[in-house]
Structures are given as structure tokens and as C-alpha cells.
Amino acid sequence: MRIHNLVPYETIIRATNGEPEAVEEVLKHYSKQILFAAYESGHVNIDTEDSIKQRLITALFQFRFDGQAT
């Protein structure tokens, strides 16, 4: 079984509250996965990369810890 490093809970809390440095930490944490997902025909598709980052940021701001969906 492979254990992945997780984004610290405190960072997630700060990111969901809109703290720019915390959002950047989350993006940095997932940067390799984002680049891998955006890789097409031998190169990174910048539009795809930007779209994935935007969807991640949107998901952060919609995330609720109380179990209530937005």
C-alpha cells in the first residue's frame, strides 16, 4: 500500500477561507498531478492546466466542513 502525503488540515481550512498563500500551497501540492493530467500529445496543454487549477480553486471555496453542500 502506498501512502501519500496529505495537505495539512490547517492549510485546507485557510484555503477554504480564501487565504491566497494557502490556496497556492494546495496548488503546489497537486502540481505534478495537474501537469500529468494536462499532458497531451507530448506536451502540457496550458489551457487544460489552467482549467484544472480553476476547478480545484472553485472546489476549495465550495467545500464545507459541516457536511452541508452549497
Protein backbone atom coordinates (compact mmCIF):
# COMPACT_ATOMS: atom_id res chain seq x y z
CA MET A 1 0.00 0.00 0.00
CA ARG A 2 1.29 3.43 -0.96
CA ILE A 3 0.94 6.31 1.50
CA HIS A 4 0.53 9.78 0.01
CA ASN A 5 1.49 12.99 1.70
CA LEU A 6 -1.62 14.94 2.55
CA VAL A 7 -2.19 18.66 2.58
CA PRO A 8 -2.24 19.69 6.26
CA TYR A 9 -5.72 20.20 7.69
CA GLU A 10 -4.86 23.74 8.76
CA THR A 11 -3.85 24.60 5.19
CA ILE A 12 -7.17 23.31 3.87
CA ILE A 13 -9.05 25.41 6.43
CA ARG A 14 -7.08 28.52 5.47
CA ALA A 15 -7.54 27.82 1.74
CA THR A 16 -11.31 27.36 2.07
CA ASN A 17 -11.38 30.73 3.85
CA GLY A 18 -9.72 32.33 0.82
CA GLU A 19 -6.19 32.86 2.12
CA PRO A 20 -4.07 33.25 -1.06
CA GLU A 21 -0.94 31.67 0.41
CA ALA A 22 -2.88 28.57 1.47
CA VAL A 23 -4.53 28.25 -1.94
CA GLU A 24 -1.07 28.44 -3.51
CA GLU A 25 0.15 25.71 -1.14
CA VAL A 26 -2.69 23.43 -2.26
CA LEU A 27 -1.95 24.13 -5.94
CA LYS A 28 1.73 23.47 -5.35
CA HIS A 29 0.94 20.21 -3.54
CA TYR A 30 -1.03 18.94 -6.54
CA SER A 31 1.17 20.49 -9.25
CA LYS A 32 2.63 17.18 -10.50
CA GLN A 33 -0.81 15.57 -10.76
CA ILE A 34 -2.16 18.64 -12.56
CA LEU A 35 0.69 18.61 -15.07
CA PHE A 36 0.25 14.87 -15.65
CA ALA A 37 -3.49 15.33 -16.27
CA ALA A 38 -2.81 18.24 -18.67
CA TYR A 39 -0.21 16.30 -20.69
CA GLU A 40 -1.38 15.81 -24.30
CA SER A 41 0.48 14.75 -27.43
CA GLY A 42 3.91 15.13 -25.88
CA HIS A 43 3.40 18.47 -24.17
CA VAL A 44 1.44 20.16 -21.39
CA ASN A 45 -1.73 21.81 -22.65
CA ILE A 46 -1.73 25.17 -20.85
CA ASP A 47 -5.48 25.65 -21.28
CA THR A 48 -6.16 22.27 -19.69
CA GLU A 49 -3.73 23.03 -16.87
CA ASP A 50 -5.44 26.37 -16.19
CA SER A 51 -8.87 24.72 -16.27
CA ILE A 52 -7.84 22.06 -13.75
CA LYS A 53 -6.37 24.70 -11.42
CA GLN A 54 -9.52 26.82 -11.67
CA ARG A 55 -11.75 23.83 -10.89
CA LEU A 56 -9.59 22.98 -7.86
CA ILE A 57 -9.81 26.54 -6.56
CA THR A 58 -13.58 26.58 -7.13
CA ALA A 59 -13.92 23.30 -5.23
CA LEU A 60 -11.89 24.71 -2.33
CA PHE A 61 -14.20 27.69 -1.99
CA GLN A 62 -17.31 25.47 -2.14
CA PHE A 63 -16.04 22.94 0.42
CA ARG A 64 -17.84 22.90 3.76
CA PHE A 65 -16.68 21.09 6.88
CA ASP A 66 -20.14 20.91 8.45
CA GLY A 67 -21.41 18.35 5.91
CA GLN A 68 -23.69 20.86 4.22
CA ALA A 69 -23.42 21.14 0.44
CA THR A 70 -23.51 24.55 -1.21
